[in-house]
Amino acid sequence: MESFSERLIHLRHSNNLTRKQVRESLDINESTYSRWENGTRTPDNETIVRFANFFKVSPMYMLGISHLRNGEEYLLDVLENIELNGDPEGLKAKFALEEYRKEFTA
């Protein structure tokens, strides 16, 4: 499981952003941001949500709890699984929609 700091660095790099660009976009001072990327501190929940919104990922992904970046990835993962393994009674699809609603629309 990746840590918050690892996800933060990965998302910043994958979006071709500098630390300064992220910090300025979210109005975060340099030393605080540095501690978060170095893994010596973790931001509060409100700030994690701000990061998630900024990078267009779920807060669960930011925290390293989910391997799926966002709701669309989650649904695609489920649909691919259903395509490969079938879902004759629609139970997997129903469960997926319930989980999607809990995690990505709350």
C-alpha atoms as a PDB file:
ATOM      1  CA  MET A   1       0.000   0.000   0.000  1.00  0.00           C
ATOM      2  CA  GLU A   2       1.364   3.372  -0.991  1.00  0.00           C
ATOM      3  CA  SER A   3       1.473   6.121   1.596  1.00  0.00           C
ATOM      4  CA  PHE A   4      -0.064   9.564   1.248  1.00  0.00           C
ATOM      5  CA  SER A   5       3.361  11.060   0.532  1.00  0.00           C
ATOM      6  CA  GLU A   6       4.081   8.508  -2.210  1.00  0.00           C
ATOM      7  CA  ARG A   7       0.710   9.172  -3.835  1.00  0.00           C
ATOM      8  CA  LEU A   8       1.232  12.933  -3.589  1.00  0.00           C
ATOM      9  CA  ILE A   9       4.620  12.726  -5.304  1.00  0.00           C
ATOM     10  CA  HIS A  10       3.312  10.328  -7.948  1.00  0.00           C
ATOM     11  CA  LEU A  11       0.315  12.532  -8.762  1.00  0.00           C
ATOM     12  CA  ARG A  12       2.441  15.657  -8.899  1.00  0.00           C
ATOM     13  CA  HIS A  13       4.906  14.013 -11.285  1.00  0.00           C
ATOM     14  CA  SER A  14       2.212  12.415 -13.456  1.00  0.00           C
ATOM     15  CA  ASN A  15       0.637  15.853 -13.879  1.00  0.00           C
ATOM     16  CA  ASN A  16       4.025  17.434 -14.682  1.00  0.00           C
ATOM     17  CA  LEU A  17       3.770  19.864 -11.793  1.00  0.00           C
ATOM     18  CA  THR A  18       6.419  21.296  -9.530  1.00  0.00           C
ATOM     19  CA  ARG A  19       6.064  21.430  -5.757  1.00  0.00           C
ATOM     20  CA  LYS A  20       5.693  25.183  -6.061  1.00  0.00           C
ATOM     21  CA  GLN A  21       2.840  24.901  -8.568  1.00  0.00           C
ATOM     22  CA  VAL A  22       0.893  22.519  -6.316  1.00  0.00           C
ATOM     23  CA  ARG A  23       1.583  24.580  -3.191  1.00  0.00           C
ATOM     24  CA  GLU A  24       0.527  27.830  -4.819  1.00  0.00           C
ATOM     25  CA  SER A  25      -2.605  26.299  -6.345  1.00  0.00           C
ATOM     26  CA  LEU A  26      -3.723  25.060  -2.935  1.00  0.00           C
ATOM     27  CA  ASP A  27      -2.279  27.963  -0.907  1.00  0.00           C
ATOM     28  CA  ILE A  28       0.011  25.797   1.237  1.00  0.00           C
ATOM     29  CA  ASN A  29       3.276  27.026   2.725  1.00  0.00           C
ATOM     30  CA  GLU A  30       6.538  25.434   1.645  1.00  0.00           C
ATOM     31  CA  SER A  31       7.587  23.783   4.916  1.00  0.00           C
ATOM     32  CA  THR A  32       4.178  22.184   5.489  1.00  0.00           C
ATOM     33  CA  TYR A  33       4.040  20.810   1.959  1.00  0.00           C
ATOM     34  CA  SER A  34       7.594  19.520   2.247  1.00  0.00           C
ATOM     35  CA  ARG A  35       6.702  17.571   5.408  1.00  0.00           C
ATOM     36  CA  TRP A  36       3.776  15.961   3.599  1.00  0.00           C
ATOM     37  CA  GLU A  37       5.892  14.881   0.620  1.00  0.00           C
ATOM     38  CA  ASN A  38       8.676  13.650   2.906  1.00  0.00           C
ATOM     39  CA  GLY A  39       6.163  11.610   4.886  1.00  0.00           C
ATOM     40  CA  THR A  40       6.941  13.164   8.256  1.00  0.00           C
ATOM     41  CA  ARG A  41       3.397  14.548   8.514  1.00  0.00           C
ATOM     42  CA  THR A  42      -0.018  13.815   7.022  1.00  0.00           C
ATOM     43  CA  PRO A  43      -2.547  16.570   6.349  1.00  0.00           C
ATOM     44  CA  ASP A  44      -5.954  16.748   7.985  1.00  0.00           C
ATOM     45  CA  ASN A  45      -9.008  15.287   6.257  1.00  0.00           C
ATOM     46  CA  GLU A  46     -10.124  18.595   4.776  1.00  0.00           C
ATOM     47  CA  THR A  47      -6.739  19.081   3.104  1.00  0.00           C
ATOM     48  CA  ILE A  48      -6.710  15.500   1.814  1.00  0.00           C
ATOM     49  CA  VAL A  49     -10.051  16.208   0.134  1.00  0.00           C
ATOM     50  CA  ARG A  50      -8.603  19.418  -1.355  1.00  0.00           C
ATOM     51  CA  PHE A  51      -5.706  17.414  -2.803  1.00  0.00           C
ATOM     52  CA  ALA A  52      -8.117  14.767  -4.116  1.00  0.00           C
ATOM     53  CA  ASN A  53     -10.225  17.411  -5.840  1.00  0.00           C
ATOM     54  CA  PHE A  54      -7.146  19.121  -7.248  1.00  0.00           C
ATOM     55  CA  PHE A  55      -5.789  15.890  -8.755  1.00  0.00           C
ATOM     56  CA  LYS A  56      -9.282  14.562  -9.631  1.00  0.00           C
ATOM     57  CA  VAL A  57      -8.900  11.376  -7.596  1.00  0.00           C
ATOM     58  CA  SER A  58     -10.784   9.957  -4.636  1.00  0.00           C
ATOM     59  CA  PRO A  59      -9.660  10.713  -1.073  1.00  0.00           C
ATOM     60  CA  MET A  60      -9.312   6.935  -0.590  1.00  0.00           C
ATOM     61  CA  TYR A  61      -6.793   6.880  -3.431  1.00  0.00           C
ATOM     62  CA  MET A  62      -4.904   9.851  -1.936  1.00  0.00           C
ATOM     63  CA  LEU A  63      -4.553   7.950   1.328  1.00  0.00           C
ATOM     64  CA  GLY A  64      -3.315   4.796  -0.394  1.00  0.00           C
ATOM     65  CA  ILE A  65      -6.382   2.817   0.687  1.00  0.00           C
ATOM     66  CA  SER A  66      -7.754   2.284  -2.818  1.00  0.00           C
ATOM     67  CA  HIS A  67      -5.786   1.433  -5.941  1.00  0.00           C
ATOM     68  CA  LEU A  68      -8.482   3.081  -8.077  1.00  0.00           C
ATOM     69  CA  ARG A  69      -7.929   6.752  -8.771  1.00  0.00           C
ATOM     70  CA  ASN A  70     -11.546   7.763  -9.262  1.00  0.00           C
ATOM     71  CA  GLY A  71     -15.099   6.588  -9.801  1.00  0.00           C
ATOM     72  CA  GLU A  72     -14.711   6.048 -13.509  1.00  0.00           C
ATOM     73  CA  GLU A  73     -11.727   3.762 -12.942  1.00  0.00           C
ATOM     74  CA  TYR A  74     -13.727   1.847 -10.359  1.00  0.00           C
ATOM     75  CA  LEU A  75     -16.653   1.290 -12.701  1.00  0.00           C
ATOM     76  CA  LEU A  76     -14.371   0.286 -15.569  1.00  0.00           C
ATOM     77  CA  ASP A  77     -12.616  -2.203 -13.296  1.00  0.00           C
ATOM     78  CA  VAL A  78     -15.937  -3.755 -12.308  1.00  0.00           C
ATOM     79  CA  LEU A  79     -17.224  -3.844 -15.889  1.00  0.00           C
ATOM     80  CA  GLU A  80     -14.030  -5.523 -17.101  1.00  0.00           C
ATOM     81  CA  ASN A  81     -14.376  -8.078 -14.317  1.00  0.00           C
ATOM     82  CA  ILE A  82     -18.004  -8.745 -15.258  1.00  0.00           C
ATOM     83  CA  GLU A  83     -17.028  -9.080 -18.926  1.00  0.00           C
ATOM     84  CA  LEU A  84     -14.343 -11.631 -18.059  1.00  0.00           C
ATOM     85  CA  ASN A  85     -16.231 -13.591 -15.409  1.00  0.00           C
ATOM     86  CA  GLY A  86     -19.877 -12.925 -16.158  1.00  0.00           C
ATOM     87  CA  ASP A  87     -22.642 -11.681 -13.891  1.00  0.00           C
ATOM     88  CA  PRO A  88     -25.751 -13.664 -14.806  1.00  0.00           C
ATOM     89  CA  GLU A  89     -27.881 -12.395 -11.924  1.00  0.00           C
ATOM     90  CA  GLY A  90     -26.564  -8.829 -11.936  1.00  0.00           C
ATOM     91  CA  LEU A  91     -25.346  -9.110  -8.330  1.00  0.00           C
ATOM     92  CA  LYS A  92     -21.810  -7.895  -9.031  1.00  0.00           C
ATOM     93  CA  ALA A  93     -23.160  -4.919 -10.954  1.00  0.00           C
ATOM     94  CA  LYS A  94     -25.593  -4.065  -8.146  1.00  0.00           C
ATOM     95  CA  PHE A  95     -22.845  -4.341  -5.508  1.00  0.00           C
ATOM     96  CA  ALA A  96     -20.514  -2.218  -7.656  1.00  0.00           C
ATOM     97  CA  LEU A  97     -23.080   0.538  -7.965  1.00  0.00           C
ATOM     98  CA  GLU A  98     -23.694   0.529  -4.213  1.00  0.00           C
ATOM     99  CA  GLU A  99     -19.940   0.738  -3.500  1.00  0.00           C
ATOM    100  CA  TYR A 100     -19.493   3.428  -6.145  1.00  0.00           C
ATOM    101  CA  ARG A 101     -22.218   5.520  -4.550  1.00  0.00           C
ATOM    102  CA  LYS A 102     -20.683   5.106  -1.082  1.00  0.00           C
ATOM    103  CA  GLU A 103     -17.123   5.968  -2.036  1.00  0.00           C
ATOM    104  CA  PHE A 104     -17.416   8.397  -4.906  1.00  0.00           C
ATOM    105  CA  THR A 105     -20.668  10.307  -4.484  1.00  0.00           C
ATOM    106  CA  ALA A 106     -20.854  10.779  -0.709  1.00  0.00           C
END
